[in-house]
Structure formats: C-alpha cells, structure tokens
Amino acid sequence: MNSEYMQEVFRFFDAAGWKPEWCDVPVPMIENTVQAGLPTEVGAMVCDEYTLVPKSLVGRGALMCITVRGDSMEDCGIQEGDVLSVQITGDCHGIREGDIVVAEVDGGITVKTFFRDERGGVWLLPRNEKYLPIHLTEGMNARIIGKVKEIRREAPHTSTSEMLKIMKRAVRQEVTPPSERAVRSGLQRIAERVKNRRQWFAVYRALVDKGSLPMGDYSTFVELVERTVPAHPHLPTTDQLQRMCTLSFRKRLSLWDRNNAPVQGARFDEYYAIAMEMMRMI
C-alpha cells in the first residue's frame, strides 16, 4: 500500500484525537482455544498461523494469541470467539489483582480474573454468576501462563434486512415533520432553557433534523421564534445562527462531535441537551 497514503491516514486519525499504531509485529496464533468456563485440556499448543499486532502491545515479553470458548467472562466483555493477545509470564510476576489471566489448572487451561485474598491465597474469579471461583491451592497442578493484554473480535456485519429497517425508520421521520402546533409548543417550552442568542442554533438544528425547516433557512426560523416567544430576552438573529453553523454543528445531531464543535466542554453539553430536548418535544 502507498506509504504516502498511509501517512495521510495516520495524520487524519491523529488530528481527530485517535492514536493509530502500525500492526507490524508477528505473534503466533495458538491452535487451541482457551476456556472461559470450566478449564479445558491444554493439549499441544500448536502455532497455526501468525497475526500482526502493534509493537507497543508486545512490550518486553513474548506474546501469543488464543481464541476464547465459553461465557464465564462475559460480564467484563469477553465473549466466545474473541481473540486474546496474551503476554506470557510463566508465573505471577507482573500480575496485579484485577488483571485477566490465562492459567493452567490441573491439566486444563482457562481465562479468569486474578485475585489474592487477605491471607495471600490466590483465586481465579469468573465474571459470570453461573460459575464458581477457582482457589489455587498447594495440592493443585496450577500455573499462570500469562496476562491478557488485548481483546479482539471480528467486526459485526449488518444484514441487508436490518439496514433496510433502519433506512425505513429514517425516511419515515424525514417525510413526516411535526405539525406547526407541535413546533410552536416546543418553542414555548424550550425558550426557558435558552440563555443566549447563539443557543437558539441548537433549537434550529433540531427543527432541521425533524424536517420542519430546510438547512440554511435562518430567516424563517428567526421569524418563527419572534412570533412565538416575542418577549424572550435573547431572540435569535440570522447572523448569530450562521456563525454557529461550522465544524460538526453543520451536520445532523447524531454526528455532532464534542471534539470538533464551535463550543467546548460544558457549553457543548448545554447545546446538545437543548437540541435533544427539542427533538423529544416535537
């Protein structure tokens, strides 16, 4: 792939606040699965293939990847079929309470949360109430294989029927704008939350998203507000509305981005809350 293109992609993500990394370090994909449930037999850990991961993930220790089977860790987000990147430690060195580990217990291999009780006892804790904790006692043949560094899963694929349902809902919303009565009622109620002229842009954006106004028709909105709440101390102006229509505020509410908006922090939250409340009222 063209290196200049990839550098441009990295610059784009970096500007958006993302931190991409090259996946250029090969690590073995172990043929076995690791049980997120009752320990399963280890068998021979055969390297079936290799996968590429970022250098920062490998760290100083050896790394392997292994696939999950079972549901004992589902409450912490580990699902069957997930691929775990495991930093091999061979013991408890570098393992802290709360870390997710892969362990061998009496000839079986399992993935659990590491915990040490007040008496120094070591436990492997499931994250599903259906399963019991495993207490690692002296009489057991048990060892910590390594610590889970990353959980990966294949991106879901949306079916055509589901995509059509989403589009139909969107089309219904766009072609059925609220009535004039509903809009006026919403303006009267939302006016109490508007504390300056520019905040009316949030209300305007909600009306555009609902199909009540075409994008860019500021004058109609200004006239509508003036007729509906003429005594409001901060009536909108076309100029102020135009100034707010920049960055992500130019897009639908669902695409507003607090890191790419004309207002930041708590002010962004106020604009977004006003817009969403207006959407609910109409």
C-alpha atoms as a PDB file:
ATOM      1  CA  MET A   1       0.000   0.000   0.000  1.00  0.00           C
ATOM      2  CA  ASN A   2       1.241   3.522  -0.824  1.00  0.00           C
ATOM      3  CA  SER A   3       3.222   4.866   2.151  1.00  0.00           C
ATOM      4  CA  GLU A   4       2.244   8.480   1.481  1.00  0.00           C
ATOM      5  CA  TYR A   5      -1.416   7.486   1.580  1.00  0.00           C
ATOM      6  CA  MET A   6      -0.932   5.647   4.893  1.00  0.00           C
ATOM      7  CA  GLN A   7       0.883   8.646   6.383  1.00  0.00           C
ATOM      8  CA  GLU A   8      -2.044  10.847   5.362  1.00  0.00           C
ATOM      9  CA  VAL A   9      -4.453   8.395   7.012  1.00  0.00           C
ATOM     10  CA  PHE A  10      -2.397   8.473  10.231  1.00  0.00           C
ATOM     11  CA  ARG A  11      -2.384  12.294  10.213  1.00  0.00           C
ATOM     12  CA  PHE A  12      -6.165  12.300   9.799  1.00  0.00           C
ATOM     13  CA  PHE A  13      -6.704   9.986  12.772  1.00  0.00           C
ATOM     14  CA  ASP A  14      -4.176  11.880  14.874  1.00  0.00           C
ATOM     15  CA  ALA A  15      -5.966  15.194  14.210  1.00  0.00           C
ATOM     16  CA  ALA A  16      -9.234  13.556  15.286  1.00  0.00           C
ATOM     17  CA  GLY A  17      -7.677  12.564  18.630  1.00  0.00           C
ATOM     18  CA  TRP A  18      -7.165   8.884  17.755  1.00  0.00           C
ATOM     19  CA  LYS A  19      -3.804   7.193  18.270  1.00  0.00           C
ATOM     20  CA  PRO A  20      -3.245   4.684  15.446  1.00  0.00           C
ATOM     21  CA  GLU A  21      -0.305   2.275  15.503  1.00  0.00           C
ATOM     22  CA  TRP A  22       1.291   0.107  12.849  1.00  0.00           C
ATOM     23  CA  CYS A  23       0.491  -3.582  13.269  1.00  0.00           C
ATOM     24  CA  ASP A  24       3.829  -4.937  12.137  1.00  0.00           C
ATOM     25  CA  VAL A  25       4.951  -7.406  14.822  1.00  0.00           C
ATOM     26  CA  PRO A  26       4.043 -11.065  14.069  1.00  0.00           C
ATOM     27  CA  VAL A  27       2.864 -13.163  17.021  1.00  0.00           C
ATOM     28  CA  PRO A  28       1.752 -16.817  16.903  1.00  0.00           C
ATOM     29  CA  MET A  29      -1.936 -17.720  16.776  1.00  0.00           C
ATOM     30  CA  ILE A  30      -2.269 -20.787  19.003  1.00  0.00           C
ATOM     31  CA  GLU A  31      -4.433 -23.523  17.548  1.00  0.00           C
ATOM     32  CA  ASN A  32      -6.095 -24.308  20.903  1.00  0.00           C
ATOM     33  CA  THR A  33      -8.968 -22.361  22.381  1.00  0.00           C
ATOM     34  CA  VAL A  34      -8.924 -21.024  25.945  1.00  0.00           C
ATOM     35  CA  GLN A  35     -11.949 -21.866  28.049  1.00  0.00           C
ATOM     36  CA  ALA A  36     -13.958 -19.003  29.525  1.00  0.00           C
ATOM     37  CA  GLY A  37     -15.791 -21.519  31.653  1.00  0.00           C
ATOM     38  CA  LEU A  38     -14.512 -24.726  33.194  1.00  0.00           C
ATOM     39  CA  PRO A  39     -10.848 -25.424  32.395  1.00  0.00           C
ATOM     40  CA  THR A  40     -10.358 -27.440  29.227  1.00  0.00           C
ATOM     41  CA  GLU A  41      -7.497 -29.754  28.394  1.00  0.00           C
ATOM     42  CA  VAL A  42      -4.374 -27.972  27.266  1.00  0.00           C
ATOM     43  CA  GLY A  43      -3.246 -30.465  24.671  1.00  0.00           C
ATOM     44  CA  ALA A  44      -0.383 -29.443  22.425  1.00  0.00           C
ATOM     45  CA  MET A  45      -0.258 -25.709  21.864  1.00  0.00           C
ATOM     46  CA  VAL A  46       0.373 -25.676  18.124  1.00  0.00           C
ATOM     47  CA  CYS A  47       1.170 -22.479  16.229  1.00  0.00           C
ATOM     48  CA  ASP A  48      -1.442 -22.496  13.477  1.00  0.00           C
ATOM     49  CA  GLU A  49      -0.659 -19.095  11.956  1.00  0.00           C
ATOM     50  CA  TYR A  50       0.645 -15.626  12.783  1.00  0.00           C
ATOM     51  CA  THR A  51      -1.139 -12.332  13.317  1.00  0.00           C
ATOM     52  CA  LEU A  52       0.261  -8.790  13.310  1.00  0.00           C
ATOM     53  CA  VAL A  53      -0.034  -6.524  16.363  1.00  0.00           C
ATOM     54  CA  PRO A  54       1.410  -3.093  17.352  1.00  0.00           C
ATOM     55  CA  LYS A  55       4.905  -3.057  18.842  1.00  0.00           C
ATOM     56  CA  SER A  56       3.613  -1.275  21.986  1.00  0.00           C
ATOM     57  CA  LEU A  57       1.351  -4.246  22.724  1.00  0.00           C
ATOM     58  CA  VAL A  58       4.190  -6.759  22.732  1.00  0.00           C
ATOM     59  CA  GLY A  59       6.238  -4.930  25.370  1.00  0.00           C
ATOM     60  CA  ARG A  60       9.178  -6.846  26.756  1.00  0.00           C
ATOM     61  CA  GLY A  61       7.603 -10.283  26.998  1.00  0.00           C
ATOM     62  CA  ALA A  62       6.678 -12.901  24.447  1.00  0.00           C
ATOM     63  CA  LEU A  63       3.149 -12.696  23.117  1.00  0.00           C
ATOM     64  CA  MET A  64       0.689 -15.254  21.805  1.00  0.00           C
ATOM     65  CA  CYS A  65      -2.881 -15.040  20.560  1.00  0.00           C
ATOM     66  CA  ILE A  66      -5.553 -17.551  21.521  1.00  0.00           C
ATOM     67  CA  THR A  67      -9.293 -17.856  20.878  1.00  0.00           C
ATOM     68  CA  VAL A  68     -11.922 -17.855  23.651  1.00  0.00           C
ATOM     69  CA  ARG A  69     -14.556 -20.534  24.129  1.00  0.00           C
ATOM     70  CA  GLY A  70     -17.285 -20.213  26.790  1.00  0.00           C
ATOM     71  CA  ASP A  71     -19.074 -17.420  28.647  1.00  0.00           C
ATOM     72  CA  SER A  72     -17.587 -17.242  32.149  1.00  0.00           C
ATOM     73  CA  MET A  73     -16.034 -13.804  31.428  1.00  0.00           C
ATOM     74  CA  GLU A  74     -18.941 -12.216  29.582  1.00  0.00           C
ATOM     75  CA  ASP A  75     -19.621  -9.608  32.321  1.00  0.00           C
ATOM     76  CA  CYS A  76     -16.251  -7.976  31.577  1.00  0.00           C
ATOM     77  CA  GLY A  77     -16.818  -8.005  27.835  1.00  0.00           C
ATOM     78  CA  ILE A  78     -15.029 -11.215  26.825  1.00  0.00           C
ATOM     79  CA  GLN A  79     -17.211 -13.265  24.510  1.00  0.00           C
ATOM     80  CA  GLU A  80     -16.888 -16.634  22.818  1.00  0.00           C
ATOM     81  CA  GLY A  81     -14.828 -16.317  19.652  1.00  0.00           C
ATOM     82  CA  ASP A  82     -12.816 -13.321  20.877  1.00  0.00           C
ATOM     83  CA  VAL A  83      -9.064 -13.440  20.261  1.00  0.00           C
ATOM     84  CA  LEU A  84      -6.911 -12.709  23.313  1.00  0.00           C
ATOM     85  CA  SER A  85      -3.409 -11.280  22.985  1.00  0.00           C
ATOM     86  CA  VAL A  86      -1.585 -12.821  25.963  1.00  0.00           C
ATOM     87  CA  GLN A  87       1.761 -11.650  27.318  1.00  0.00           C
ATOM     88  CA  ILE A  88       3.478 -14.815  28.529  1.00  0.00           C
ATOM     89  CA  THR A  89       4.798 -14.550  32.100  1.00  0.00           C
ATOM     90  CA  GLY A  90       5.014 -18.177  33.249  1.00  0.00           C
ATOM     91  CA  ASP A  91       4.215 -17.150  36.846  1.00  0.00           C
ATOM     92  CA  CYS A  92       2.604 -14.337  38.863  1.00  0.00           C
ATOM     93  CA  HIS A  93       5.394 -11.874  38.094  1.00  0.00           C
ATOM     94  CA  GLY A  94       3.891  -8.590  36.889  1.00  0.00           C
ATOM     95  CA  ILE A  95       0.330  -9.789  37.571  1.00  0.00           C
ATOM     96  CA  ARG A  96      -1.832  -7.437  39.639  1.00  0.00           C
ATOM     97  CA  GLU A  97      -5.180  -8.034  41.303  1.00  0.00           C
ATOM     98  CA  GLY A  98      -7.905  -7.482  38.754  1.00  0.00           C
ATOM     99  CA  ASP A  99      -5.769  -8.493  35.763  1.00  0.00           C
ATOM    100  CA  ILE A 100      -7.274 -11.017  33.368  1.00  0.00           C
ATOM    101  CA  VAL A 101      -5.007 -14.029  33.074  1.00  0.00           C
ATOM    102  CA  VAL A 102      -4.730 -17.290  31.185  1.00  0.00           C
ATOM    103  CA  ALA A 103      -3.904 -20.146  33.579  1.00  0.00           C
ATOM    104  CA  GLU A 104      -3.311 -23.884  33.532  1.00  0.00           C
ATOM    105  CA  VAL A 105      -5.232 -25.682  36.279  1.00  0.00           C
ATOM    106  CA  ASP A 106      -4.848 -29.459  36.757  1.00  0.00           C
ATOM    107  CA  GLY A 107      -4.169 -30.038  33.093  1.00  0.00           C
ATOM    108  CA  GLY A 108      -6.839 -27.625  31.876  1.00  0.00           C
ATOM    109  CA  ILE A 109      -6.489 -24.108  30.516  1.00  0.00           C
ATOM    110  CA  THR A 110      -8.817 -21.253  31.435  1.00  0.00           C
ATOM    111  CA  VAL A 111      -9.120 -17.467  31.378  1.00  0.00           C
ATOM    112  CA  LYS A 112     -10.163 -15.702  34.591  1.00  0.00           C
ATOM    113  CA  THR A 113      -9.572 -12.604  36.749  1.00  0.00           C
ATOM    114  CA  PHE A 114      -6.597 -12.808  39.138  1.00  0.00           C
ATOM    115  CA  PHE A 115      -7.261 -12.105  42.840  1.00  0.00           C
ATOM    116  CA  ARG A 116      -5.232 -12.509  46.052  1.00  0.00           C
ATOM    117  CA  ASP A 117      -7.221 -12.575  49.315  1.00  0.00           C
ATOM    118  CA  GLU A 118      -6.256 -11.099  52.706  1.00  0.00           C
ATOM    119  CA  ARG A 119      -4.434 -14.313  53.683  1.00  0.00           C
ATOM    120  CA  GLY A 120      -2.396 -14.399  50.491  1.00  0.00           C
ATOM    121  CA  GLY A 121      -4.493 -17.055  48.800  1.00  0.00           C
ATOM    122  CA  VAL A 122      -4.656 -16.895  45.009  1.00  0.00           C
ATOM    123  CA  TRP A 123      -8.017 -17.140  43.249  1.00  0.00           C
ATOM    124  CA  LEU A 124      -9.168 -17.201  39.655  1.00  0.00           C
ATOM    125  CA  LEU A 125     -12.507 -15.399  39.501  1.00  0.00           C
ATOM    126  CA  PRO A 126     -15.119 -15.793  36.754  1.00  0.00           C
ATOM    127  CA  ARG A 127     -17.186 -12.803  35.598  1.00  0.00           C
ATOM    128  CA  ASN A 128     -20.435 -14.693  35.288  1.00  0.00           C
ATOM    129  CA  GLU A 129     -22.557 -15.770  38.250  1.00  0.00           C
ATOM    130  CA  LYS A 130     -23.100 -19.205  36.710  1.00  0.00           C
ATOM    131  CA  TYR A 131     -19.507 -20.180  37.550  1.00  0.00           C
ATOM    132  CA  LEU A 132     -17.607 -20.563  40.833  1.00  0.00           C
ATOM    133  CA  PRO A 133     -14.182 -19.084  41.677  1.00  0.00           C
ATOM    134  CA  ILE A 134     -11.176 -21.384  41.480  1.00  0.00           C
ATOM    135  CA  HIS A 135      -8.910 -21.405  44.562  1.00  0.00           C
ATOM    136  CA  LEU A 136      -5.335 -22.270  43.611  1.00  0.00           C
ATOM    137  CA  THR A 137      -4.109 -24.472  46.476  1.00  0.00           C
ATOM    138  CA  GLU A 138      -0.744 -26.132  47.008  1.00  0.00           C
ATOM    139  CA  GLY A 139      -2.052 -29.541  46.035  1.00  0.00           C
ATOM    140  CA  MET A 140      -3.147 -28.368  42.600  1.00  0.00           C
ATOM    141  CA  ASN A 141      -1.083 -28.523  39.460  1.00  0.00           C
ATOM    142  CA  ALA A 142      -1.607 -24.872  38.508  1.00  0.00           C
ATOM    143  CA  ARG A 143       0.355 -22.022  36.971  1.00  0.00           C
ATOM    144  CA  ILE A 144      -0.257 -18.632  35.436  1.00  0.00           C
ATOM    145  CA  ILE A 145       0.593 -18.721  31.738  1.00  0.00           C
ATOM    146  CA  GLY A 146       0.259 -15.012  31.046  1.00  0.00           C
ATOM    147  CA  LYS A 147      -1.710 -11.779  31.247  1.00  0.00           C
ATOM    148  CA  VAL A 148      -4.307 -10.715  28.685  1.00  0.00           C
ATOM    149  CA  LYS A 149      -3.151  -7.506  27.009  1.00  0.00           C
ATOM    150  CA  GLU A 150      -5.813  -7.055  24.354  1.00  0.00           C
ATOM    151  CA  ILE A 151      -9.212  -8.457  23.397  1.00  0.00           C
ATOM    152  CA  ARG A 152     -10.101  -8.521  19.712  1.00  0.00           C
ATOM    153  CA  ARG A 153     -13.190  -9.627  17.882  1.00  0.00           C
ATOM    154  CA  GLU A 154     -14.309  -9.663  14.311  1.00  0.00           C
ATOM    155  CA  ALA A 155     -16.347  -6.616  13.336  1.00  0.00           C
ATOM    156  CA  PRO A 156     -20.066  -7.438  13.116  1.00  0.00           C
ATOM    157  CA  HIS A 157     -21.764  -7.444   9.744  1.00  0.00           C
ATOM    158  CA  THR A 158     -25.222  -5.891   9.418  1.00  0.00           C
ATOM    159  CA  SER A 159     -27.716  -7.824   7.325  1.00  0.00           C
ATOM    160  CA  THR A 160     -29.484  -6.246   4.368  1.00  0.00           C
ATOM    161  CA  SER A 161     -32.876  -6.634   6.042  1.00  0.00           C
ATOM    162  CA  GLU A 162     -31.698  -4.789   9.161  1.00  0.00           C
ATOM    163  CA  MET A 163     -30.198  -1.974   7.076  1.00  0.00           C
ATOM    164  CA  LEU A 164     -33.479  -1.595   5.207  1.00  0.00           C
ATOM    165  CA  LYS A 165     -35.360  -1.351   8.511  1.00  0.00           C
ATOM    166  CA  ILE A 166     -33.029   1.428   9.668  1.00  0.00           C
ATOM    167  CA  MET A 167     -33.466   3.329   6.414  1.00  0.00           C
ATOM    168  CA  LYS A 168     -37.249   2.975   6.512  1.00  0.00           C
ATOM    169  CA  ARG A 169     -37.362   4.412  10.033  1.00  0.00           C
ATOM    170  CA  ALA A 170     -35.173   7.320   8.951  1.00  0.00           C
ATOM    171  CA  VAL A 171     -37.278   8.006   5.861  1.00  0.00           C
ATOM    172  CA  ARG A 172     -40.495   7.951   7.915  1.00  0.00           C
ATOM    173  CA  GLN A 173     -39.030  10.524  10.291  1.00  0.00           C
ATOM    174  CA  GLU A 174     -37.821  12.752   7.466  1.00  0.00           C
ATOM    175  CA  VAL A 175     -41.058  12.762   5.466  1.00  0.00           C
ATOM    176  CA  THR A 176     -43.322  13.272   8.484  1.00  0.00           C
ATOM    177  CA  PRO A 177     -42.311  16.597  10.050  1.00  0.00           C
ATOM    178  CA  PRO A 178     -44.080  17.720  13.240  1.00  0.00           C
ATOM    179  CA  SER A 179     -47.162  19.910  12.985  1.00  0.00           C
ATOM    180  CA  GLU A 180     -46.895  23.698  13.290  1.00  0.00           C
ATOM    181  CA  ARG A 181     -48.767  23.468  16.571  1.00  0.00           C
ATOM    182  CA  ALA A 182     -46.217  20.986  17.953  1.00  0.00           C
ATOM    183  CA  VAL A 183     -43.335  23.212  16.825  1.00  0.00           C
ATOM    184  CA  ARG A 184     -44.800  26.311  18.475  1.00  0.00           C
ATOM    185  CA  SER A 185     -45.493  24.395  21.677  1.00  0.00           C
ATOM    186  CA  GLY A 186     -41.925  23.109  21.680  1.00  0.00           C
ATOM    187  CA  LEU A 187     -40.511  26.607  21.138  1.00  0.00           C
ATOM    188  CA  GLN A 188     -42.511  27.984  24.045  1.00  0.00           C
ATOM    189  CA  ARG A 189     -41.234  25.300  26.407  1.00  0.00           C
ATOM    190  CA  ILE A 190     -37.616  25.229  25.229  1.00  0.00           C
ATOM    191  CA  ALA A 191     -37.326  29.036  25.441  1.00  0.00           C
ATOM    192  CA  GLU A 192     -36.810  28.740  29.203  1.00  0.00           C
ATOM    193  CA  ARG A 193     -33.566  26.842  28.638  1.00  0.00           C
ATOM    194  CA  VAL A 194     -32.108  29.262  26.080  1.00  0.00           C
ATOM    195  CA  LYS A 195     -29.790  31.701  27.884  1.00  0.00           C
ATOM    196  CA  ASN A 196     -28.181  33.491  24.933  1.00  0.00           C
ATOM    197  CA  ARG A 197     -28.847  34.111  21.242  1.00  0.00           C
ATOM    198  CA  ARG A 198     -26.417  31.513  19.938  1.00  0.00           C
ATOM    199  CA  GLN A 199     -28.087  28.690  21.850  1.00  0.00           C
ATOM    200  CA  TRP A 200     -31.071  29.056  19.545  1.00  0.00           C
ATOM    201  CA  PHE A 201     -28.915  27.279  16.964  1.00  0.00           C
ATOM    202  CA  ALA A 202     -29.462  24.034  18.882  1.00  0.00           C
ATOM    203  CA  VAL A 203     -33.221  24.501  18.547  1.00  0.00           C
ATOM    204  CA  TYR A 204     -32.865  25.384  14.873  1.00  0.00           C
ATOM    205  CA  ARG A 205     -30.774  22.250  14.263  1.00  0.00           C
ATOM    206  CA  ALA A 206     -33.458  20.089  15.884  1.00  0.00           C
ATOM    207  CA  LEU A 207     -36.136  21.564  13.589  1.00  0.00           C
ATOM    208  CA  VAL A 208     -33.943  20.934  10.544  1.00  0.00           C
ATOM    209  CA  ASP A 209     -33.355  17.314  11.581  1.00  0.00           C
ATOM    210  CA  LYS A 210     -37.105  16.841  12.072  1.00  0.00           C
ATOM    211  CA  GLY A 211     -37.845  18.207   8.593  1.00  0.00           C
ATOM    212  CA  SER A 212     -39.610  21.372   9.768  1.00  0.00           C
ATOM    213  CA  LEU A 213     -37.068  23.677   8.112  1.00  0.00           C
ATOM    214  CA  PRO A 214     -34.642  23.352   5.188  1.00  0.00           C
ATOM    215  CA  MET A 215     -30.970  23.673   6.080  1.00  0.00           C
ATOM    216  CA  GLY A 216     -29.816  27.274   5.733  1.00  0.00           C
ATOM    217  CA  ASP A 217     -33.241  28.905   6.160  1.00  0.00           C
ATOM    218  CA  TYR A 218     -32.304  31.016   9.162  1.00  0.00           C
ATOM    219  CA  SER A 219     -34.689  33.893   8.458  1.00  0.00           C
ATOM    220  CA  THR A 220     -37.794  31.678   8.632  1.00  0.00           C
ATOM    221  CA  PHE A 221     -36.621  30.296  11.970  1.00  0.00           C
ATOM    222  CA  VAL A 222     -35.902  33.775  13.366  1.00  0.00           C
ATOM    223  CA  GLU A 223     -39.384  34.968  12.356  1.00  0.00           C
ATOM    224  CA  LEU A 224     -40.981  31.860  13.864  1.00  0.00           C
ATOM    225  CA  VAL A 225     -39.270  32.405  17.219  1.00  0.00           C
ATOM    226  CA  GLU A 226     -40.113  36.105  17.249  1.00  0.00           C
ATOM    227  CA  ARG A 227     -43.794  35.334  16.668  1.00  0.00           C
ATOM    228  CA  THR A 228     -43.904  32.506  19.208  1.00  0.00           C
ATOM    229  CA  VAL A 229     -41.925  33.994  22.133  1.00  0.00           C
ATOM    230  CA  PRO A 230     -41.712  37.728  21.356  1.00  0.00           C
ATOM    231  CA  ALA A 231     -40.839  38.651  24.946  1.00  0.00           C
ATOM    232  CA  HIS A 232     -37.790  36.390  25.136  1.00  0.00           C
ATOM    233  CA  PRO A 233     -34.736  38.417  26.292  1.00  0.00           C
ATOM    234  CA  HIS A 234     -32.385  36.704  23.823  1.00  0.00           C
ATOM    235  CA  LEU A 235     -34.133  36.431  20.474  1.00  0.00           C
ATOM    236  CA  PRO A 236     -32.064  34.790  17.702  1.00  0.00           C
ATOM    237  CA  THR A 237     -30.523  36.613  14.763  1.00  0.00           C
ATOM    238  CA  THR A 238     -29.625  35.287  11.349  1.00  0.00           C
ATOM    239  CA  ASP A 239     -26.020  36.406  11.809  1.00  0.00           C
ATOM    240  CA  GLN A 240     -25.567  34.546  15.106  1.00  0.00           C
ATOM    241  CA  LEU A 241     -27.090  31.372  13.715  1.00  0.00           C
ATOM    242  CA  GLN A 242     -24.792  31.434  10.678  1.00  0.00           C
ATOM    243  CA  ARG A 243     -21.739  31.795  12.912  1.00  0.00           C
ATOM    244  CA  MET A 244     -22.663  28.620  14.804  1.00  0.00           C
ATOM    245  CA  CYS A 245     -23.073  26.546  11.635  1.00  0.00           C
ATOM    246  CA  THR A 246     -19.488  25.347  11.495  1.00  0.00           C
ATOM    247  CA  LEU A 247     -17.436  22.196  12.160  1.00  0.00           C
ATOM    248  CA  SER A 248     -19.618  19.283  13.329  1.00  0.00           C
ATOM    249  CA  PHE A 249     -22.539  21.662  14.036  1.00  0.00           C
ATOM    250  CA  ARG A 250     -23.071  21.713  10.263  1.00  0.00           C
ATOM    251  CA  LYS A 251     -24.148  18.080  10.467  1.00  0.00           C
ATOM    252  CA  ARG A 252     -27.108  16.202  11.899  1.00  0.00           C
ATOM    253  CA  LEU A 253     -27.314  15.940  15.680  1.00  0.00           C
ATOM    254  CA  SER A 254     -26.271  12.297  15.538  1.00  0.00           C
ATOM    255  CA  LEU A 255     -22.926  13.444  14.064  1.00  0.00           C
ATOM    256  CA  TRP A 256     -22.144  16.254  16.489  1.00  0.00           C
ATOM    257  CA  ASP A 257     -18.672  15.783  17.942  1.00  0.00           C
ATOM    258  CA  ARG A 258     -17.642  17.469  21.205  1.00  0.00           C
ATOM    259  CA  ASN A 259     -14.007  17.470  19.980  1.00  0.00           C
ATOM    260  CA  ASN A 260     -14.900  19.159  16.700  1.00  0.00           C
ATOM    261  CA  ALA A 261     -17.506  21.781  17.597  1.00  0.00           C
ATOM    262  CA  PRO A 262     -17.579  25.606  17.823  1.00  0.00           C
ATOM    263  CA  VAL A 263     -18.188  25.322  21.589  1.00  0.00           C
ATOM    264  CA  GLN A 264     -16.332  23.079  24.009  1.00  0.00           C
ATOM    265  CA  GLY A 265     -16.787  21.300  27.335  1.00  0.00           C
ATOM    266  CA  ALA A 266     -19.874  22.138  29.373  1.00  0.00           C
ATOM    267  CA  ARG A 267     -21.040  24.584  26.724  1.00  0.00           C
ATOM    268  CA  PHE A 268     -21.202  21.808  24.152  1.00  0.00           C
ATOM    269  CA  ASP A 269     -23.232  19.713  26.599  1.00  0.00           C
ATOM    270  CA  GLU A 270     -25.721  22.584  27.004  1.00  0.00           C
ATOM    271  CA  TYR A 271     -26.212  22.954  23.248  1.00  0.00           C
ATOM    272  CA  TYR A 272     -26.625  19.226  22.762  1.00  0.00           C
ATOM    273  CA  ALA A 273     -29.078  18.910  25.675  1.00  0.00           C
ATOM    274  CA  ILE A 274     -31.236  21.758  24.314  1.00  0.00           C
ATOM    275  CA  ALA A 275     -31.301  20.214  20.854  1.00  0.00           C
ATOM    276  CA  MET A 276     -32.195  16.740  22.123  1.00  0.00           C
ATOM    277  CA  GLU A 277     -34.926  18.079  24.397  1.00  0.00           C
ATOM    278  CA  MET A 278     -36.450  19.974  21.468  1.00  0.00           C
ATOM    279  CA  MET A 279     -36.317  16.794  19.380  1.00  0.00           C
ATOM    280  CA  ARG A 280     -38.230  14.917  22.090  1.00  0.00           C
ATOM    281  CA  MET A 281     -40.888  17.618  22.470  1.00  0.00           C
ATOM    282  CA  ILE A 282     -41.748  17.777  18.772  1.00  0.00           C
END
